[in-house]
């Protein structure tokens, strides 16, 4: 089964897989290795148009 999640609001569309890609680029820019990520939780706040993340249940940030 192939799955996709689209978030639509105010005439905009966010694709969940794009958020993961953006996270990976930000993580690499911080000189961190994606292979060290064991768990990733993404929370997209529609009102703020911002994505918050929790990596390995301890590292946090947003983009």
PDB file of N, CA and C in Angstrom:
ATOM      1  N   UNK A   1       0.840  -1.175   0.000  1.00  0.00           N
ATOM      2  CA  UNK A   1       0.000   0.000   0.000  1.00  0.00           C
ATOM      3  C   UNK A   1       0.886   1.239   0.000  1.00  0.00           C
ATOM      4  N   UNK A   2       0.606   2.129  -0.902  1.00  0.00           N
ATOM      5  CA  UNK A   2       1.308   3.409  -0.932  1.00  0.00           C
ATOM      6  C   UNK A   2       0.399   4.434  -0.264  1.00  0.00           C
ATOM      7  N   UNK A   3       0.961   5.209   0.614  1.00  0.00           N
ATOM      8  CA  UNK A   3       0.155   6.197   1.324  1.00  0.00           C
ATOM      9  C   UNK A   3       0.697   7.596   1.114  1.00  0.00           C
ATOM     10  N   UNK A   4      -0.192   8.545   1.095  1.00  0.00           N
ATOM     11  CA  UNK A   4       0.172   9.955   0.986  1.00  0.00           C
ATOM     12  C   UNK A   4      -0.772  10.744   1.882  1.00  0.00           C
ATOM     13  N   UNK A   5      -0.250  11.790   2.477  1.00  0.00           N
ATOM     14  CA  UNK A   5      -1.064  12.661   3.310  1.00  0.00           C
ATOM     15  C   UNK A   5      -0.906  14.076   2.797  1.00  0.00           C
ATOM     16  N   UNK A   6      -2.016  14.708   2.475  1.00  0.00           N
ATOM     17  CA  UNK A   6      -2.031  16.090   2.006  1.00  0.00           C
ATOM     18  C   UNK A   6      -2.764  16.931   3.038  1.00  0.00           C
ATOM     19  N   UNK A   7      -2.197  18.065   3.378  1.00  0.00           N
ATOM     20  CA  UNK A   7      -2.840  19.012   4.286  1.00  0.00           C
ATOM     21  C   UNK A   7      -3.204  20.227   3.458  1.00  0.00           C
ATOM     22  N   UNK A   8      -4.481  20.542   3.402  1.00  0.00           N
ATOM     23  CA  UNK A   8      -4.945  21.683   2.619  1.00  0.00           C
ATOM     24  C   UNK A   8      -5.561  22.724   3.543  1.00  0.00           C
ATOM     25  N   UNK A   9      -5.194  23.998   3.299  1.00  0.00           N
ATOM     26  CA  UNK A   9      -5.735  25.097   4.093  1.00  0.00           C
ATOM     27  C   UNK A   9      -5.467  26.404   3.374  1.00  0.00           C
ATOM     28  N   UNK A  10      -6.389  27.329   3.484  1.00  0.00           N
ATOM     29  CA  UNK A  10      -6.234  28.676   2.910  1.00  0.00           C
ATOM     30  C   UNK A  10      -5.670  28.667   1.490  1.00  0.00           C
ATOM     31  N   UNK A  11      -6.118  27.736   0.671  1.00  0.00           N
ATOM     32  CA  UNK A  11      -5.648  27.675  -0.706  1.00  0.00           C
ATOM     33  C   UNK A  11      -4.249  27.111  -0.875  1.00  0.00           C
ATOM     34  N   UNK A  12      -3.658  26.569   0.186  1.00  0.00           N
ATOM     35  CA  UNK A  12      -2.313  25.994   0.130  1.00  0.00           C
ATOM     36  C   UNK A  12      -2.415  24.491   0.341  1.00  0.00           C
ATOM     37  N   UNK A  13      -1.373  23.795  -0.079  1.00  0.00           N
ATOM     38  CA  UNK A  13      -1.328  22.354   0.124  1.00  0.00           C
ATOM     39  C   UNK A  13       0.072  21.956   0.581  1.00  0.00           C
ATOM     40  N   UNK A  14       0.125  21.186   1.630  1.00  0.00           N
ATOM     41  CA  UNK A  14       1.376  20.666   2.171  1.00  0.00           C
ATOM     42  C   UNK A  14       1.308  19.147   2.047  1.00  0.00           C
ATOM     43  N   UNK A  15       2.366  18.541   1.557  1.00  0.00           N
ATOM     44  CA  UNK A  15       2.441  17.086   1.443  1.00  0.00           C
ATOM     45  C   UNK A  15       3.347  16.587   2.566  1.00  0.00           C
ATOM     46  N   UNK A  16       2.872  15.594   3.301  1.00  0.00           N
ATOM     47  CA  UNK A  16       3.625  15.089   4.450  1.00  0.00           C
ATOM     48  C   UNK A  16       5.038  14.659   4.063  1.00  0.00           C
ATOM     49  N   UNK A  17       5.195  13.992   2.935  1.00  0.00           N
ATOM     50  CA  UNK A  17       6.531  13.543   2.531  1.00  0.00           C
ATOM     51  C   UNK A  17       7.467  14.724   2.265  1.00  0.00           C
ATOM     52  N   UNK A  18       6.908  15.854   1.836  1.00  0.00           N
ATOM     53  CA  UNK A  18       7.730  17.054   1.636  1.00  0.00           C
ATOM     54  C   UNK A  18       8.243  17.598   2.965  1.00  0.00           C
ATOM     55  N   UNK A  19       7.437  17.479   4.016  1.00  0.00           N
ATOM     56  CA  UNK A  19       7.878  17.917   5.343  1.00  0.00           C
ATOM     57  C   UNK A  19       9.049  17.064   5.820  1.00  0.00           C
ATOM     58  N   UNK A  20       8.981  15.766   5.543  1.00  0.00           N
ATOM     59  CA  UNK A  20      10.083  14.872   5.925  1.00  0.00           C
ATOM     60  C   UNK A  20      11.345  15.248   5.152  1.00  0.00           C
ATOM     61  N   UNK A  21      11.211  15.527   3.866  1.00  0.00           N
ATOM     62  CA  UNK A  21      12.365  15.939   3.056  1.00  0.00           C
ATOM     63  C   UNK A  21      12.966  17.235   3.590  1.00  0.00           C
ATOM     64  N   UNK A  22      12.109  18.196   3.932  1.00  0.00           N
ATOM     65  CA  UNK A  22      12.598  19.465   4.478  1.00  0.00           C
ATOM     66  C   UNK A  22      13.327  19.230   5.788  1.00  0.00           C
ATOM     67  N   UNK A  23      12.773  18.369   6.636  1.00  0.00           N
ATOM     68  CA  UNK A  23      13.440  18.052   7.899  1.00  0.00           C
ATOM     69  C   UNK A  23      14.838  17.492   7.642  1.00  0.00           C
ATOM     70  N   UNK A  24      14.946  16.519   6.718  1.00  0.00           N
ATOM     71  CA  UNK A  24      16.240  15.895   6.432  1.00  0.00           C
ATOM     72  C   UNK A  24      17.271  16.921   5.983  1.00  0.00           C
ATOM     73  N   UNK A  25      16.869  17.868   5.144  1.00  0.00           N
ATOM     74  CA  UNK A  25      17.798  18.901   4.685  1.00  0.00           C
ATOM     75  C   UNK A  25      18.248  19.786   5.851  1.00  0.00           C
ATOM     76  N   UNK A  26      17.321  20.167   6.695  1.00  0.00           N
ATOM     77  CA  UNK A  26      17.657  20.996   7.863  1.00  0.00           C
ATOM     78  C   UNK A  26      18.578  20.224   8.798  1.00  0.00           C
ATOM     79  N   UNK A  27      18.273  18.952   9.006  1.00  0.00           N
ATOM     80  CA  UNK A  27      19.080  18.111   9.896  1.00  0.00           C
ATOM     81  C   UNK A  27      20.510  18.002   9.373  1.00  0.00           C
ATOM     82  N   UNK A  28      20.661  17.797   8.068  1.00  0.00           N
ATOM     83  CA  UNK A  28      21.994  17.709   7.457  1.00  0.00           C
ATOM     84  C   UNK A  28      22.721  19.045   7.554  1.00  0.00           C
ATOM     85  N   UNK A  29      21.991  20.152   7.382  1.00  0.00           N
ATOM     86  CA  UNK A  29      22.603  21.483   7.476  1.00  0.00           C
ATOM     87  C   UNK A  29      23.159  21.745   8.870  1.00  0.00           C
ATOM     88  N   UNK A  30      22.615  21.061   9.859  1.00  0.00           N
ATOM     89  CA  UNK A  30      23.102  21.195  11.236  1.00  0.00           C
ATOM     90  C   UNK A  30      24.262  20.238  11.510  1.00  0.00           C
ATOM     91  N   UNK A  31      24.795  19.633  10.444  1.00  0.00           N
ATOM     92  CA  UNK A  31      25.897  18.659  10.527  1.00  0.00           C
ATOM     93  C   UNK A  31      25.503  17.416  11.323  1.00  0.00           C
ATOM     94  N   UNK A  32      24.227  17.059  11.258  1.00  0.00           N
ATOM     95  CA  UNK A  32      23.736  15.852  11.911  1.00  0.00           C
ATOM     96  C   UNK A  32      23.535  14.788  10.831  1.00  0.00           C
ATOM     97  N   UNK A  33      23.546  13.531  11.218  1.00  0.00           N
ATOM     98  CA  UNK A  33      23.379  12.439  10.261  1.00  0.00           C
ATOM     99  C   UNK A  33      21.954  11.884  10.349  1.00  0.00           C
ATOM    100  N   UNK A  34      21.321  11.767   9.195  1.00  0.00           N
ATOM    101  CA  UNK A  34      19.964  11.243   9.132  1.00  0.00           C
ATOM    102  C   UNK A  34      19.924   9.803   9.639  1.00  0.00           C
ATOM    103  N   UNK A  35      20.989   9.048   9.409  1.00  0.00           N
ATOM    104  CA  UNK A  35      21.008   7.655   9.848  1.00  0.00           C
ATOM    105  C   UNK A  35      20.952   7.527  11.376  1.00  0.00           C
ATOM    106  N   UNK A  36      21.279   8.601  12.100  1.00  0.00           N
ATOM    107  CA  UNK A  36      21.210   8.581  13.558  1.00  0.00           C
ATOM    108  C   UNK A  36      19.798   8.838  14.086  1.00  0.00           C
ATOM    109  N   UNK A  37      18.884   9.183  13.196  1.00  0.00           N
ATOM    110  CA  UNK A  37      17.496   9.425  13.598  1.00  0.00           C
ATOM    111  C   UNK A  37      16.792   8.080  13.706  1.00  0.00           C
ATOM    112  N   UNK A  38      16.428   7.716  14.907  1.00  0.00           N
ATOM    113  CA  UNK A  38      15.716   6.454  15.140  1.00  0.00           C
ATOM    114  C   UNK A  38      14.210   6.683  15.143  1.00  0.00           C
ATOM    115  N   UNK A  39      13.780   7.850  15.612  1.00  0.00           N
ATOM    116  CA  UNK A  39      12.351   8.187  15.572  1.00  0.00           C
ATOM    117  C   UNK A  39      12.206   9.672  15.261  1.00  0.00           C
ATOM    118  N   UNK A  40      11.167   9.968  14.500  1.00  0.00           N
ATOM    119  CA  UNK A  40      10.890  11.350  14.101  1.00  0.00           C
ATOM    120  C   UNK A  40       9.399  11.597  14.225  1.00  0.00           C
ATOM    121  N   UNK A  41       9.058  12.637  14.962  1.00  0.00           N
ATOM    122  CA  UNK A  41       7.662  13.058  15.087  1.00  0.00           C
ATOM    123  C   UNK A  41       7.556  14.465  14.518  1.00  0.00           C
ATOM    124  N   UNK A  42       6.641  14.651  13.573  1.00  0.00           N
ATOM    125  CA  UNK A  42       6.409  15.957  12.967  1.00  0.00           C
ATOM    126  C   UNK A  42       5.023  16.440  13.344  1.00  0.00           C
ATOM    127  N   UNK A  43       4.920  17.697  13.729  1.00  0.00           N
ATOM    128  CA  UNK A  43       3.651  18.319  14.085  1.00  0.00           C
ATOM    129  C   UNK A  43       3.517  19.584  13.249  1.00  0.00           C
ATOM    130  N   UNK A  44       2.578  19.582  12.304  1.00  0.00           N
ATOM    131  CA  UNK A  44       2.399  20.757  11.458  1.00  0.00           C
ATOM    132  C   UNK A  44       1.284  21.614  12.034  1.00  0.00           C
ATOM    133  N   UNK A  45       1.607  22.859  12.382  1.00  0.00           N
ATOM    134  CA  UNK A  45       0.626  23.800  12.919  1.00  0.00           C
ATOM    135  C   UNK A  45       0.116  24.655  11.765  1.00  0.00           C
ATOM    136  N   UNK A  46      -1.127  24.424  11.384  1.00  0.00           N
ATOM    137  CA  UNK A  46      -1.718  25.118  10.242  1.00  0.00           C
ATOM    138  C   UNK A  46      -1.814  26.617  10.508  1.00  0.00           C
ATOM    139  N   UNK A  47      -2.198  27.002  11.708  1.00  0.00           N
ATOM    140  CA  UNK A  47      -2.348  28.422  12.022  1.00  0.00           C
ATOM    141  C   UNK A  47      -1.031  29.178  11.909  1.00  0.00           C
ATOM    142  N   UNK A  48       0.044  28.551  12.313  1.00  0.00           N
ATOM    143  CA  UNK A  48       1.363  29.186  12.269  1.00  0.00           C
ATOM    144  C   UNK A  48       2.089  28.918  10.952  1.00  0.00           C
ATOM    145  N   UNK A  49       1.590  27.953  10.172  1.00  0.00           N
ATOM    146  CA  UNK A  49       2.261  27.498   8.952  1.00  0.00           C
ATOM    147  C   UNK A  49       3.701  27.096   9.270  1.00  0.00           C
ATOM    148  N   UNK A  50       3.843  26.308  10.330  1.00  0.00           N
ATOM    149  CA  UNK A  50       5.148  25.922  10.836  1.00  0.00           C
ATOM    150  C   UNK A  50       5.121  24.449  11.232  1.00  0.00           C
ATOM    151  N   UNK A  51       6.235  23.769  11.007  1.00  0.00           N
ATOM    152  CA  UNK A  51       6.354  22.366  11.366  1.00  0.00           C
ATOM    153  C   UNK A  51       7.317  22.230  12.541  1.00  0.00           C
ATOM    154  N   UNK A  52       6.879  21.541  13.570  1.00  0.00           N
ATOM    155  CA  UNK A  52       7.712  21.265  14.742  1.00  0.00           C
ATOM    156  C   UNK A  52       8.131  19.803  14.689  1.00  0.00           C
ATOM    157  N   UNK A  53       9.341  19.510  15.168  1.00  0.00           N
ATOM    158  CA  UNK A  53       9.810  18.125  15.152  1.00  0.00           C
ATOM    159  C   UNK A  53      10.408  17.711  16.478  1.00  0.00           C
ATOM    160  N   UNK A  54      10.357  16.401  16.723  1.00  0.00           N
ATOM    161  CA  UNK A  54      10.994  15.775  17.876  1.00  0.00           C
ATOM    162  C   UNK A  54      11.765  14.584  17.331  1.00  0.00           C
ATOM    163  N   UNK A  55      13.063  14.575  17.573  1.00  0.00           N
ATOM    164  CA  UNK A  55      13.940  13.520  17.079  1.00  0.00           C
ATOM    165  C   UNK A  55      14.402  12.675  18.258  1.00  0.00           C
ATOM    166  N   UNK A  56      14.237  11.370  18.118  1.00  0.00           N
ATOM    167  CA  UNK A  56      14.682  10.419  19.149  1.00  0.00           C
ATOM    168  C   UNK A  56      14.147  10.779  20.531  1.00  0.00           C
ATOM    169  N   UNK A  57      12.974  11.338  20.566  1.00  0.00           N
ATOM    170  CA  UNK A  57      12.278  11.721  21.804  1.00  0.00           C
ATOM    171  C   UNK A  57      13.049  12.713  22.673  1.00  0.00           C
ATOM    172  N   UNK A  58      14.017  13.464  22.068  1.00  0.00           N
ATOM    173  CA  UNK A  58      14.709  14.470  22.872  1.00  0.00           C
ATOM    174  C   UNK A  58      15.082  15.747  22.125  1.00  0.00           C
ATOM    175  N   UNK A  59      15.564  15.650  20.909  1.00  0.00           N
ATOM    176  CA  UNK A  59      15.932  16.845  20.127  1.00  0.00           C
ATOM    177  C   UNK A  59      14.669  17.480  19.550  1.00  0.00           C
ATOM    178  N   UNK A  60      14.541  18.791  19.681  1.00  0.00           N
ATOM    179  CA  UNK A  60      13.363  19.475  19.141  1.00  0.00           C
ATOM    180  C   UNK A  60      13.772  20.669  18.289  1.00  0.00           C
ATOM    181  N   UNK A  61      12.853  21.096  17.453  1.00  0.00           N
ATOM    182  CA  UNK A  61      13.093  22.262  16.625  1.00  0.00           C
ATOM    183  C   UNK A  61      11.888  22.522  15.754  1.00  0.00           C
ATOM    184  N   UNK A  62      12.031  23.463  14.846  1.00  0.00           N
ATOM    185  CA  UNK A  62      10.926  23.799  13.949  1.00  0.00           C
ATOM    186  C   UNK A  62      11.475  24.393  12.649  1.00  0.00           C
ATOM    187  N   UNK A  63      10.611  24.395  11.659  1.00  0.00           N
ATOM    188  CA  UNK A  63      10.943  25.023  10.387  1.00  0.00           C
ATOM    189  C   UNK A  63       9.661  25.460   9.712  1.00  0.00           C
TER     190      UNK A  63
END
